[in-house]
Amino acid sequence: MSASTVPPVSRLGRVGRTIGLSEPALEKLHLLAKDSRTTWRLFRSNKLGLTGLAILLAFVVMAVLSGPLMSVLAYIGGWDQAWGPFDIDPSADKEDDPTSEHWLGTDTYRQDILSRLIYGSRVSLLVGLVATVVSMGLGALVGLLSGYWGGVRDEVLMRITDVFLVIPWIALMIVFAAVLPGGASVGKVVFVIGITGWSSTARIVRAQVFSLKERAFIERARAIGADDLYIVRKHIFPNVFPLMFANAILTVALSILSESTLSFIGLGPDSSKVVTWGNMLEDAQLAYAIDQGLYAWVVIPGLMIVFVVLGFTFVGYAMDEIFNPKLRKR
């Protein structure tokens, strides 16, 4: 190749060479950057995906900056203090209507509903994300092993998976949450949601592995002496990951709904120690908030759950369309 035809070194390439990356590593870095740009370009063209991303960014900002956000609201409203999720206002009546200082009113314990709503986004999002990691990790492991091994081991793993698929997830969650030790803790809720939500992921990954393991590049890897662990780690898992990623985004939405369901029926985290949108609804139900006309206590947390689930669902469908060309609009 002549000097005139040599492509210019990109900024990414210059940075890679500065830190001492080898040529194969630089090539992989270039491919990754190219794939990322292509994915972002396709995502930007999806209106539902952009809408979902905007919704999720708003909730992430609310969760990460919940303390400063309450301070800003206190400054705007002229309050004497920025109410925290467990701060009690002795001057407020129990289950008070909205006032100039408590924009959404107070609950049974004279705690500010708005502050509990904002701080509750932290745990609700955290439970959804961590439970999804547990669920996707277990489902991916079972799916990879079952699909790659085949035979008797595949049959055994799939029969176990079928048990979790056949029994309704809400029934499984209630049983696990009621039987397992650990009290009303966030860790227990995460474990219960993760351990009951992996079966569909296992099925999806297994079907993809069955298709991949017969491909020519897998046969070539076996022919040059690559062992099973290397093939699964280097060839099969990277090809399965995009499908898992799209499914994981939808699983986060389901995990948040699951936490809200468990909290609403009294099997979630203790509302006196941890605030989530789900146990806010539980407290509202126990206090007969609707009967007393305290609609904000019920409607606003419910809307938060709906909107965050919609956000993850929109992004999940957009990513599924990007990673599955058959679904892409032409």
C-alpha atoms as a PDB file:
ATOM      1  CA  MET A   1       0.000   0.000   0.000  1.00  0.00           C
ATOM      2  CA  SER A   2       1.437   3.382  -1.015  1.00  0.00           C
ATOM      3  CA  ALA A   3       1.745   6.273   1.364  1.00  0.00           C
ATOM      4  CA  SER A   4      -1.071   8.112  -0.427  1.00  0.00           C
ATOM      5  CA  THR A   5      -3.523   5.265   0.208  1.00  0.00           C
ATOM      6  CA  VAL A   6      -2.696   4.772   3.896  1.00  0.00           C
ATOM      7  CA  PRO A   7      -5.760   5.874   5.913  1.00  0.00           C
ATOM      8  CA  PRO A   8      -5.166   8.658   8.451  1.00  0.00           C
ATOM      9  CA  VAL A   9      -4.673   7.599  12.040  1.00  0.00           C
ATOM     10  CA  SER A  10      -7.798   8.391  14.033  1.00  0.00           C
ATOM     11  CA  ARG A  11      -7.752  10.082  17.417  1.00  0.00           C
ATOM     12  CA  LEU A  12      -8.747   6.756  18.961  1.00  0.00           C
ATOM     13  CA  GLY A  13      -5.808   5.055  17.255  1.00  0.00           C
ATOM     14  CA  ARG A  14      -3.358   7.698  18.465  1.00  0.00           C
ATOM     15  CA  VAL A  15      -4.613   7.303  22.046  1.00  0.00           C
ATOM     16  CA  GLY A  16      -4.368   3.519  21.775  1.00  0.00           C
ATOM     17  CA  ARG A  17      -0.795   3.638  20.522  1.00  0.00           C
ATOM     18  CA  THR A  18       0.125   6.148  23.216  1.00  0.00           C
ATOM     19  CA  ILE A  19      -0.957   3.724  25.955  1.00  0.00           C
ATOM     20  CA  GLY A  20       0.851   0.845  24.222  1.00  0.00           C
ATOM     21  CA  LEU A  21      -2.005  -1.212  22.705  1.00  0.00           C
ATOM     22  CA  SER A  22      -1.024  -3.825  20.146  1.00  0.00           C
ATOM     23  CA  GLU A  23      -2.289  -3.730  16.548  1.00  0.00           C
ATOM     24  CA  PRO A  24      -4.920  -6.495  17.113  1.00  0.00           C
ATOM     25  CA  ALA A  25      -6.166  -4.639  20.197  1.00  0.00           C
ATOM     26  CA  LEU A  26      -6.324  -1.398  18.210  1.00  0.00           C
ATOM     27  CA  GLU A  27      -8.303  -3.158  15.484  1.00  0.00           C
ATOM     28  CA  LYS A  28     -10.792  -4.463  18.043  1.00  0.00           C
ATOM     29  CA  LEU A  29     -11.050  -0.979  19.517  1.00  0.00           C
ATOM     30  CA  HIS A  30     -11.807   0.492  16.094  1.00  0.00           C
ATOM     31  CA  LEU A  31     -14.470  -2.149  15.421  1.00  0.00           C
ATOM     32  CA  LEU A  32     -16.048  -1.530  18.824  1.00  0.00           C
ATOM     33  CA  ALA A  33     -16.139   2.219  18.204  1.00  0.00           C
ATOM     34  CA  LYS A  34     -17.651   1.679  14.757  1.00  0.00           C
ATOM     35  CA  ASP A  35     -20.313  -0.677  16.110  1.00  0.00           C
ATOM     36  CA  SER A  36     -21.132   1.794  18.882  1.00  0.00           C
ATOM     37  CA  ARG A  37     -21.600   4.621  16.400  1.00  0.00           C
ATOM     38  CA  THR A  38     -23.833   2.441  14.237  1.00  0.00           C
ATOM     39  CA  THR A  39     -25.912   1.375  17.238  1.00  0.00           C
ATOM     40  CA  TRP A  40     -26.341   4.981  18.380  1.00  0.00           C
ATOM     41  CA  ARG A  41     -27.312   6.101  14.862  1.00  0.00           C
ATOM     42  CA  LEU A  42     -30.004   3.416  14.676  1.00  0.00           C
ATOM     43  CA  PHE A  43     -31.174   4.201  18.190  1.00  0.00           C
ATOM     44  CA  ARG A  44     -31.509   7.923  17.416  1.00  0.00           C
ATOM     45  CA  SER A  45     -33.818   7.081  14.522  1.00  0.00           C
ATOM     46  CA  ASN A  46     -36.189   5.244  16.875  1.00  0.00           C
ATOM     47  CA  LYS A  47     -38.623   7.720  18.442  1.00  0.00           C
ATOM     48  CA  LEU A  48     -39.859   5.277  21.068  1.00  0.00           C
ATOM     49  CA  GLY A  49     -36.284   4.536  22.116  1.00  0.00           C
ATOM     50  CA  LEU A  50     -35.406   8.228  22.479  1.00  0.00           C
ATOM     51  CA  THR A  51     -38.590   8.839  24.468  1.00  0.00           C
ATOM     52  CA  GLY A  52     -37.767   5.949  26.790  1.00  0.00           C
ATOM     53  CA  LEU A  53     -34.181   7.150  27.199  1.00  0.00           C
ATOM     54  CA  ALA A  54     -35.353  10.654  28.139  1.00  0.00           C
ATOM     55  CA  ILE A  55     -37.733   9.201  30.748  1.00  0.00           C
ATOM     56  CA  LEU A  56     -35.020   7.004  32.236  1.00  0.00           C
ATOM     57  CA  LEU A  57     -32.473   9.822  32.360  1.00  0.00           C
ATOM     58  CA  ALA A  58     -34.971  11.943  34.301  1.00  0.00           C
ATOM     59  CA  PHE A  59     -35.464   9.149  36.848  1.00  0.00           C
ATOM     60  CA  VAL A  60     -31.717   8.480  37.119  1.00  0.00           C
ATOM     61  CA  VAL A  61     -31.063  12.173  37.798  1.00  0.00           C
ATOM     62  CA  MET A  62     -33.835  12.156  40.416  1.00  0.00           C
ATOM     63  CA  ALA A  63     -32.350   9.069  42.108  1.00  0.00           C
ATOM     64  CA  VAL A  64     -28.701  10.175  42.038  1.00  0.00           C
ATOM     65  CA  LEU A  65     -29.371  13.798  42.983  1.00  0.00           C
ATOM     66  CA  SER A  66     -32.293  13.227  45.337  1.00  0.00           C
ATOM     67  CA  GLY A  67     -30.650  15.124  48.224  1.00  0.00           C
ATOM     68  CA  PRO A  68     -29.641  18.226  46.225  1.00  0.00           C
ATOM     69  CA  LEU A  69     -33.002  18.114  44.413  1.00  0.00           C
ATOM     70  CA  MET A  70     -34.890  18.361  47.713  1.00  0.00           C
ATOM     71  CA  SER A  71     -32.649  21.270  48.740  1.00  0.00           C
ATOM     72  CA  VAL A  72     -33.478  23.083  45.484  1.00  0.00           C
ATOM     73  CA  LEU A  73     -37.198  22.453  45.975  1.00  0.00           C
ATOM     74  CA  ALA A  74     -36.918  23.744  49.555  1.00  0.00           C
ATOM     75  CA  TYR A  75     -35.266  26.929  48.270  1.00  0.00           C
ATOM     76  CA  ILE A  76     -37.935  27.412  45.597  1.00  0.00           C
ATOM     77  CA  GLY A  77     -40.772  26.747  48.027  1.00  0.00           C
ATOM     78  CA  GLY A  78     -39.270  28.808  50.833  1.00  0.00           C
ATOM     79  CA  TRP A  79     -39.298  25.909  53.288  1.00  0.00           C
ATOM     80  CA  ASP A  80     -37.318  26.001  56.500  1.00  0.00           C
ATOM     81  CA  GLN A  81     -35.751  22.616  55.675  1.00  0.00           C
ATOM     82  CA  ALA A  82     -35.372  20.141  52.839  1.00  0.00           C
ATOM     83  CA  TRP A  83     -37.504  17.249  54.034  1.00  0.00           C
ATOM     84  CA  GLY A  84     -35.928  13.806  54.050  1.00  0.00           C
ATOM     85  CA  PRO A  85     -37.809  10.526  53.588  1.00  0.00           C
ATOM     86  CA  PHE A  86     -38.080   9.878  57.349  1.00  0.00           C
ATOM     87  CA  ASP A  87     -38.298  13.440  58.691  1.00  0.00           C
ATOM     88  CA  ILE A  88     -41.461  14.011  60.740  1.00  0.00           C
ATOM     89  CA  ASP A  89     -43.239  17.364  60.789  1.00  0.00           C
ATOM     90  CA  PRO A  90     -44.769  17.734  64.286  1.00  0.00           C
ATOM     91  CA  SER A  91     -46.912  20.650  63.112  1.00  0.00           C
ATOM     92  CA  ALA A  92     -48.621  18.581  60.413  1.00  0.00           C
ATOM     93  CA  ASP A  93     -51.761  16.568  60.956  1.00  0.00           C
ATOM     94  CA  LYS A  94     -51.675  12.852  60.183  1.00  0.00           C
ATOM     95  CA  GLU A  95     -52.389  12.200  56.526  1.00  0.00           C
ATOM     96  CA  ASP A  96     -52.524  15.924  55.730  1.00  0.00           C
ATOM     97  CA  ASP A  97     -53.631  17.408  52.414  1.00  0.00           C
ATOM     98  CA  PRO A  98     -51.087  19.241  50.216  1.00  0.00           C
ATOM     99  CA  THR A  99     -49.818  22.523  51.698  1.00  0.00           C
ATOM    100  CA  SER A 100     -47.331  25.220  50.692  1.00  0.00           C
ATOM    101  CA  GLU A 101     -44.602  23.316  52.555  1.00  0.00           C
ATOM    102  CA  HIS A 102     -45.691  19.753  51.724  1.00  0.00           C
ATOM    103  CA  TRP A 103     -46.705  19.934  48.077  1.00  0.00           C
ATOM    104  CA  LEU A 104     -48.117  16.392  48.013  1.00  0.00           C
ATOM    105  CA  GLY A 105     -49.217  16.329  51.639  1.00  0.00           C
ATOM    106  CA  THR A 106     -48.022  14.107  54.498  1.00  0.00           C
ATOM    107  CA  ASP A 107     -48.657  10.452  55.268  1.00  0.00           C
ATOM    108  CA  THR A 108     -49.785   8.578  58.378  1.00  0.00           C
ATOM    109  CA  TYR A 109     -46.484   9.285  60.131  1.00  0.00           C
ATOM    110  CA  ARG A 110     -46.538  13.005  59.175  1.00  0.00           C
ATOM    111  CA  GLN A 111     -43.723  12.407  56.691  1.00  0.00           C
ATOM    112  CA  ASP A 112     -43.496  14.423  53.498  1.00  0.00           C
ATOM    113  CA  ILE A 113     -44.850  12.381  50.563  1.00  0.00           C
ATOM    114  CA  LEU A 114     -42.835  14.287  47.931  1.00  0.00           C
ATOM    115  CA  SER A 115     -39.504  13.590  49.640  1.00  0.00           C
ATOM    116  CA  ARG A 116     -40.374   9.907  50.072  1.00  0.00           C
ATOM    117  CA  LEU A 117     -41.345   9.777  46.402  1.00  0.00           C
ATOM    118  CA  ILE A 118     -38.007  11.266  45.287  1.00  0.00           C
ATOM    119  CA  TYR A 119     -35.845   9.208  47.636  1.00  0.00           C
ATOM    120  CA  GLY A 120     -37.877   6.091  46.835  1.00  0.00           C
ATOM    121  CA  SER A 121     -36.591   6.196  43.272  1.00  0.00           C
ATOM    122  CA  ARG A 122     -33.152   5.180  44.585  1.00  0.00           C
ATOM    123  CA  VAL A 123     -34.168   1.803  45.979  1.00  0.00           C
ATOM    124  CA  SER A 124     -36.773   1.068  43.300  1.00  0.00           C
ATOM    125  CA  LEU A 125     -34.222   1.531  40.498  1.00  0.00           C
ATOM    126  CA  LEU A 126     -31.466  -0.225  42.454  1.00  0.00           C
ATOM    127  CA  VAL A 127     -33.651  -3.270  43.124  1.00  0.00           C
ATOM    128  CA  GLY A 128     -34.638  -3.406  39.454  1.00  0.00           C
ATOM    129  CA  LEU A 129     -31.051  -3.227  38.191  1.00  0.00           C
ATOM    130  CA  VAL A 130     -29.443  -5.621  40.708  1.00  0.00           C
ATOM    131  CA  ALA A 131     -32.268  -8.161  40.458  1.00  0.00           C
ATOM    132  CA  THR A 132     -31.880  -8.056  36.676  1.00  0.00           C
ATOM    133  CA  VAL A 133     -28.140  -8.773  36.980  1.00  0.00           C
ATOM    134  CA  VAL A 134     -28.916 -11.805  39.171  1.00  0.00           C
ATOM    135  CA  SER A 135     -31.664 -13.001  36.850  1.00  0.00           C
ATOM    136  CA  MET A 136     -29.683 -12.499  33.631  1.00  0.00           C
ATOM    137  CA  GLY A 137     -26.535 -14.053  35.094  1.00  0.00           C
ATOM    138  CA  LEU A 138     -28.331 -17.209  36.195  1.00  0.00           C
ATOM    139  CA  GLY A 139     -30.361 -17.438  32.999  1.00  0.00           C
ATOM    140  CA  ALA A 140     -27.293 -16.924  30.801  1.00  0.00           C
ATOM    141  CA  LEU A 141     -25.327 -19.574  32.686  1.00  0.00           C
ATOM    142  CA  VAL A 142     -28.083 -22.171  32.404  1.00  0.00           C
ATOM    143  CA  GLY A 143     -28.774 -21.308  28.768  1.00  0.00           C
ATOM    144  CA  LEU A 144     -25.108 -21.429  27.731  1.00  0.00           C
ATOM    145  CA  LEU A 145     -24.402 -24.732  29.464  1.00  0.00           C
ATOM    146  CA  SER A 146     -27.637 -26.364  28.364  1.00  0.00           C
ATOM    147  CA  GLY A 147     -27.335 -25.281  24.745  1.00  0.00           C
ATOM    148  CA  TYR A 148     -23.656 -26.127  24.411  1.00  0.00           C
ATOM    149  CA  TRP A 149     -23.723 -29.466  26.241  1.00  0.00           C
ATOM    150  CA  GLY A 150     -26.955 -30.870  24.827  1.00  0.00           C
ATOM    151  CA  GLY A 151     -27.950 -34.453  25.620  1.00  0.00           C
ATOM    152  CA  VAL A 152     -28.946 -35.575  29.106  1.00  0.00           C
ATOM    153  CA  ARG A 153     -27.571 -32.501  30.842  1.00  0.00           C
ATOM    154  CA  ASP A 154     -29.622 -30.285  28.554  1.00  0.00           C
ATOM    155  CA  GLU A 155     -32.758 -32.293  29.362  1.00  0.00           C
ATOM    156  CA  VAL A 156     -32.194 -31.997  33.113  1.00  0.00           C
ATOM    157  CA  LEU A 157     -31.548 -28.248  33.006  1.00  0.00           C
ATOM    158  CA  MET A 158     -34.528 -27.613  30.733  1.00  0.00           C
ATOM    159  CA  ARG A 159     -36.918 -29.605  32.937  1.00  0.00           C
ATOM    160  CA  ILE A 160     -35.849 -27.446  35.884  1.00  0.00           C
ATOM    161  CA  THR A 161     -36.349 -24.374  33.713  1.00  0.00           C
ATOM    162  CA  ASP A 162     -39.818 -25.585  32.701  1.00  0.00           C
ATOM    163  CA  VAL A 163     -40.846 -25.747  36.361  1.00  0.00           C
ATOM    164  CA  PHE A 164     -40.032 -22.040  36.761  1.00  0.00           C
ATOM    165  CA  LEU A 165     -41.764 -21.244  33.467  1.00  0.00           C
ATOM    166  CA  VAL A 166     -44.977 -23.137  34.214  1.00  0.00           C
ATOM    167  CA  ILE A 167     -45.569 -21.820  37.730  1.00  0.00           C
ATOM    168  CA  PRO A 168     -46.794 -18.176  37.661  1.00  0.00           C
ATOM    169  CA  TRP A 169     -43.987 -15.823  38.654  1.00  0.00           C
ATOM    170  CA  ILE A 170     -46.098 -13.970  41.195  1.00  0.00           C
ATOM    171  CA  ALA A 171     -46.875 -17.223  43.016  1.00  0.00           C
ATOM    172  CA  LEU A 172     -43.199 -18.200  43.021  1.00  0.00           C
ATOM    173  CA  MET A 173     -42.160 -14.808  44.377  1.00  0.00           C
ATOM    174  CA  ILE A 174     -44.719 -14.926  47.169  1.00  0.00           C
ATOM    175  CA  VAL A 175     -43.641 -18.428  48.199  1.00  0.00           C
ATOM    176  CA  PHE A 176     -39.922 -17.584  48.182  1.00  0.00           C
ATOM    177  CA  ALA A 177     -40.444 -14.255  49.965  1.00  0.00           C
ATOM    178  CA  ALA A 178     -42.575 -15.911  52.661  1.00  0.00           C
ATOM    179  CA  VAL A 179     -40.325 -18.948  53.214  1.00  0.00           C
ATOM    180  CA  LEU A 180     -36.790 -17.587  52.923  1.00  0.00           C
ATOM    181  CA  PRO A 181     -35.150 -16.070  56.025  1.00  0.00           C
ATOM    182  CA  GLY A 182     -33.776 -12.550  56.068  1.00  0.00           C
ATOM    183  CA  GLY A 183     -36.741 -10.466  57.175  1.00  0.00           C
ATOM    184  CA  ALA A 184     -38.048  -7.512  55.200  1.00  0.00           C
ATOM    185  CA  SER A 185     -34.709  -6.550  53.622  1.00  0.00           C
ATOM    186  CA  VAL A 186     -33.786  -5.183  50.214  1.00  0.00           C
ATOM    187  CA  GLY A 187     -31.252  -7.999  49.676  1.00  0.00           C
ATOM    188  CA  LYS A 188     -33.921 -10.633  50.186  1.00  0.00           C
ATOM    189  CA  VAL A 189     -36.260  -8.933  47.709  1.00  0.00           C
ATOM    190  CA  VAL A 190     -33.467  -8.733  45.114  1.00  0.00           C
ATOM    191  CA  PHE A 191     -32.671 -12.418  45.586  1.00  0.00           C
ATOM    192  CA  VAL A 192     -36.323 -13.464  45.326  1.00  0.00           C
ATOM    193  CA  ILE A 193     -36.890 -11.497  42.117  1.00  0.00           C
ATOM    194  CA  GLY A 194     -33.625 -12.719  40.577  1.00  0.00           C
ATOM    195  CA  ILE A 195     -34.149 -16.380  41.463  1.00  0.00           C
ATOM    196  CA  THR A 196     -37.670 -16.452  40.012  1.00  0.00           C
ATOM    197  CA  GLY A 197     -37.073 -14.482  36.817  1.00  0.00           C
ATOM    198  CA  TRP A 198     -34.247 -16.300  35.034  1.00  0.00           C
ATOM    199  CA  SER A 199     -36.115 -19.045  33.158  1.00  0.00           C
ATOM    200  CA  SER A 200     -37.171 -17.076  30.066  1.00  0.00           C
ATOM    201  CA  THR A 201     -33.606 -15.799  29.626  1.00  0.00           C
ATOM    202  CA  ALA A 202     -32.294 -19.362  29.825  1.00  0.00           C
ATOM    203  CA  ARG A 203     -34.649 -20.444  27.043  1.00  0.00           C
ATOM    204  CA  ILE A 204     -33.691 -17.519  24.801  1.00  0.00           C
ATOM    205  CA  VAL A 205     -29.945 -18.043  25.298  1.00  0.00           C
ATOM    206  CA  ARG A 206     -30.215 -21.829  24.792  1.00  0.00           C
ATOM    207  CA  ALA A 207     -32.004 -21.402  21.455  1.00  0.00           C
ATOM    208  CA  GLN A 208     -29.329 -18.974  20.269  1.00  0.00           C
ATOM    209  CA  VAL A 209     -26.498 -21.269  21.408  1.00  0.00           C
ATOM    210  CA  PHE A 210     -28.012 -24.207  19.512  1.00  0.00           C
ATOM    211  CA  SER A 211     -27.827 -22.117  16.353  1.00  0.00           C
ATOM    212  CA  LEU A 212     -24.320 -20.807  16.980  1.00  0.00           C
ATOM    213  CA  LYS A 213     -22.526 -23.998  17.967  1.00  0.00           C
ATOM    214  CA  GLU A 214     -23.055 -25.532  14.517  1.00  0.00           C
ATOM    215  CA  ARG A 215     -21.550 -22.576  12.660  1.00  0.00           C
ATOM    216  CA  ALA A 216     -18.342 -22.935  10.677  1.00  0.00           C
ATOM    217  CA  PHE A 217     -16.263 -20.624  12.877  1.00  0.00           C
ATOM    218  CA  ILE A 218     -17.026 -22.821  15.907  1.00  0.00           C
ATOM    219  CA  GLU A 219     -15.921 -25.914  13.985  1.00  0.00           C
ATOM    220  CA  ARG A 220     -12.692 -24.163  13.008  1.00  0.00           C
ATOM    221  CA  ALA A 221     -12.056 -23.239  16.650  1.00  0.00           C
ATOM    222  CA  ARG A 222     -12.490 -26.879  17.668  1.00  0.00           C
ATOM    223  CA  ALA A 223     -10.205 -28.010  14.831  1.00  0.00           C
ATOM    224  CA  ILE A 224      -7.303 -25.872  16.055  1.00  0.00           C
ATOM    225  CA  GLY A 225      -7.647 -27.297  19.574  1.00  0.00           C
ATOM    226  CA  ALA A 226      -9.733 -24.705  21.423  1.00  0.00           C
ATOM    227  CA  ASP A 227     -11.392 -26.137  24.528  1.00  0.00           C
ATOM    228  CA  ASP A 228     -15.066 -25.752  25.425  1.00  0.00           C
ATOM    229  CA  LEU A 229     -14.532 -22.940  27.932  1.00  0.00           C
ATOM    230  CA  TYR A 230     -12.572 -20.906  25.394  1.00  0.00           C
ATOM    231  CA  ILE A 231     -15.207 -21.425  22.684  1.00  0.00           C
ATOM    232  CA  VAL A 232     -18.062 -20.426  24.978  1.00  0.00           C
ATOM    233  CA  ARG A 233     -16.180 -17.427  26.363  1.00  0.00           C
ATOM    234  CA  LYS A 234     -14.645 -16.094  23.160  1.00  0.00           C
ATOM    235  CA  HIS A 235     -17.070 -17.115  20.411  1.00  0.00           C
ATOM    236  CA  ILE A 236     -20.532 -18.005  21.692  1.00  0.00           C
ATOM    237  CA  PHE A 237     -21.096 -15.552  24.558  1.00  0.00           C
ATOM    238  CA  PRO A 238     -20.128 -12.402  22.551  1.00  0.00           C
ATOM    239  CA  ASN A 239     -22.650 -13.399  19.883  1.00  0.00           C
ATOM    240  CA  VAL A 240     -25.375 -14.053  22.448  1.00  0.00           C
ATOM    241  CA  PHE A 241     -24.747 -10.894  24.472  1.00  0.00           C
ATOM    242  CA  PRO A 242     -26.626  -8.391  22.217  1.00  0.00           C
ATOM    243  CA  LEU A 243     -29.806 -10.460  22.503  1.00  0.00           C
ATOM    244  CA  MET A 244     -29.300 -10.761  26.268  1.00  0.00           C
ATOM    245  CA  PHE A 245     -28.762  -7.018  26.572  1.00  0.00           C
ATOM    246  CA  ALA A 246     -32.046  -6.190  24.833  1.00  0.00           C
ATOM    247  CA  ASN A 247     -33.850  -8.725  27.013  1.00  0.00           C
ATOM    248  CA  ALA A 248     -32.161  -7.381  30.170  1.00  0.00           C
ATOM    249  CA  ILE A 249     -33.595  -3.897  29.640  1.00  0.00           C
ATOM    250  CA  LEU A 250     -37.105  -5.346  29.540  1.00  0.00           C
ATOM    251  CA  THR A 251     -36.282  -7.473  32.595  1.00  0.00           C
ATOM    252  CA  VAL A 252     -35.431  -4.346  34.610  1.00  0.00           C
ATOM    253  CA  ALA A 253     -38.987  -3.111  34.059  1.00  0.00           C
ATOM    254  CA  LEU A 254     -40.397  -6.450  35.203  1.00  0.00           C
ATOM    255  CA  SER A 255     -38.118  -6.440  38.267  1.00  0.00           C
ATOM    256  CA  ILE A 256     -39.330  -2.992  39.336  1.00  0.00           C
ATOM    257  CA  LEU A 257     -42.924  -4.155  38.951  1.00  0.00           C
ATOM    258  CA  SER A 258     -42.091  -7.275  40.965  1.00  0.00           C
ATOM    259  CA  GLU A 259     -40.652  -5.233  43.847  1.00  0.00           C
ATOM    260  CA  SER A 260     -43.740  -3.021  43.836  1.00  0.00           C
ATOM    261  CA  THR A 261     -45.984  -6.085  43.907  1.00  0.00           C
ATOM    262  CA  LEU A 262     -44.123  -7.684  46.814  1.00  0.00           C
ATOM    263  CA  SER A 263     -44.097  -4.406  48.751  1.00  0.00           C
ATOM    264  CA  PHE A 264     -47.787  -3.790  48.098  1.00  0.00           C
ATOM    265  CA  ILE A 265     -48.770  -7.148  49.629  1.00  0.00           C
ATOM    266  CA  GLY A 266     -46.462  -6.646  52.614  1.00  0.00           C
ATOM    267  CA  LEU A 267     -43.521  -8.841  51.559  1.00  0.00           C
ATOM    268  CA  GLY A 268     -41.155  -6.057  50.520  1.00  0.00           C
ATOM    269  CA  PRO A 269     -38.691  -3.887  52.469  1.00  0.00           C
ATOM    270  CA  ASP A 270     -39.874  -2.330  55.745  1.00  0.00           C
ATOM    271  CA  SER A 271     -41.189   1.170  54.954  1.00  0.00           C
ATOM    272  CA  SER A 272     -39.899   2.496  58.295  1.00  0.00           C
ATOM    273  CA  LYS A 273     -36.317   1.686  57.252  1.00  0.00           C
ATOM    274  CA  VAL A 274     -36.310   1.792  53.440  1.00  0.00           C
ATOM    275  CA  VAL A 275     -38.644   3.752  51.208  1.00  0.00           C
ATOM    276  CA  THR A 276     -39.713   2.443  47.792  1.00  0.00           C
ATOM    277  CA  TRP A 277     -42.625   3.303  45.572  1.00  0.00           C
ATOM    278  CA  GLY A 278     -44.114  -0.101  46.317  1.00  0.00           C
ATOM    279  CA  ASN A 279     -44.187   0.263  50.087  1.00  0.00           C
ATOM    280  CA  MET A 280     -45.539   3.794  49.703  1.00  0.00           C
ATOM    281  CA  LEU A 281     -48.547   2.232  48.007  1.00  0.00           C
ATOM    282  CA  GLU A 282     -48.753  -0.356  50.787  1.00  0.00           C
ATOM    283  CA  ASP A 283     -48.799   2.378  53.441  1.00  0.00           C
ATOM    284  CA  ALA A 284     -51.461   4.272  51.484  1.00  0.00           C
ATOM    285  CA  GLN A 285     -53.622   1.169  51.306  1.00  0.00           C
ATOM    286  CA  LEU A 286     -53.283   0.484  55.039  1.00  0.00           C
ATOM    287  CA  ALA A 287     -54.204   4.106  55.813  1.00  0.00           C
ATOM    288  CA  TYR A 288     -57.259   4.043  53.475  1.00  0.00           C
ATOM    289  CA  ALA A 289     -55.821   7.015  51.614  1.00  0.00           C
ATOM    290  CA  ILE A 290     -58.375   6.856  48.778  1.00  0.00           C
ATOM    291  CA  ASP A 291     -61.292   6.875  51.214  1.00  0.00           C
ATOM    292  CA  GLN A 292     -59.877   9.999  52.860  1.00  0.00           C
ATOM    293  CA  GLY A 293     -59.322  11.790  49.549  1.00  0.00           C
ATOM    294  CA  LEU A 294     -55.497  11.680  49.718  1.00  0.00           C
ATOM    295  CA  TYR A 295     -55.182  10.804  46.055  1.00  0.00           C
ATOM    296  CA  ALA A 296     -51.627  12.109  45.629  1.00  0.00           C
ATOM    297  CA  TRP A 297     -50.361   9.462  48.063  1.00  0.00           C
ATOM    298  CA  VAL A 298     -51.689   6.728  45.780  1.00  0.00           C
ATOM    299  CA  VAL A 299     -51.688   8.172  42.271  1.00  0.00           C
ATOM    300  CA  ILE A 300     -48.204   9.741  42.135  1.00  0.00           C
ATOM    301  CA  PRO A 301     -46.170   6.647  43.243  1.00  0.00           C
ATOM    302  CA  GLY A 302     -48.296   4.553  40.889  1.00  0.00           C
ATOM    303  CA  LEU A 303     -47.532   6.923  38.012  1.00  0.00           C
ATOM    304  CA  MET A 304     -43.812   6.808  38.821  1.00  0.00           C
ATOM    305  CA  ILE A 305     -43.859   3.017  38.517  1.00  0.00           C
ATOM    306  CA  VAL A 306     -45.812   3.216  35.255  1.00  0.00           C
ATOM    307  CA  PHE A 307     -43.483   5.800  33.701  1.00  0.00           C
ATOM    308  CA  VAL A 308     -40.220   4.079  34.661  1.00  0.00           C
ATOM    309  CA  VAL A 309     -41.549   0.752  33.366  1.00  0.00           C
ATOM    310  CA  LEU A 310     -42.612   2.460  30.137  1.00  0.00           C
ATOM    311  CA  GLY A 311     -39.142   4.002  29.811  1.00  0.00           C
ATOM    312  CA  PHE A 312     -37.382   0.658  30.108  1.00  0.00           C
ATOM    313  CA  THR A 313     -39.930  -0.976  27.811  1.00  0.00           C
ATOM    314  CA  PHE A 314     -39.475   1.631  25.068  1.00  0.00           C
ATOM    315  CA  VAL A 315     -35.674   1.365  25.251  1.00  0.00           C
ATOM    316  CA  GLY A 316     -35.874  -2.436  25.322  1.00  0.00           C
ATOM    317  CA  TYR A 317     -38.021  -2.590  22.194  1.00  0.00           C
ATOM    318  CA  ALA A 318     -35.690  -0.142  20.436  1.00  0.00           C
ATOM    319  CA  MET A 319     -32.612  -2.221  21.299  1.00  0.00           C
ATOM    320  CA  ASP A 320     -34.387  -5.404  20.226  1.00  0.00           C
ATOM    321  CA  GLU A 321     -35.127  -3.784  16.870  1.00  0.00           C
ATOM    322  CA  ILE A 322     -31.487  -2.709  16.494  1.00  0.00           C
ATOM    323  CA  PHE A 323     -29.977  -6.102  17.339  1.00  0.00           C
ATOM    324  CA  ASN A 324     -32.582  -8.048  15.320  1.00  0.00           C
ATOM    325  CA  PRO A 325     -32.475  -6.805  11.705  1.00  0.00           C
ATOM    326  CA  LYS A 326     -35.653  -8.769  10.867  1.00  0.00           C
ATOM    327  CA  LEU A 327     -37.605  -6.389  13.116  1.00  0.00           C
ATOM    328  CA  ARG A 328     -36.027  -3.258  11.673  1.00  0.00           C
ATOM    329  CA  LYS A 329     -38.289  -1.073   9.539  1.00  0.00           C
ATOM    330  CA  ARG A 330     -37.164  -0.809   5.973  1.00  0.00           C
END
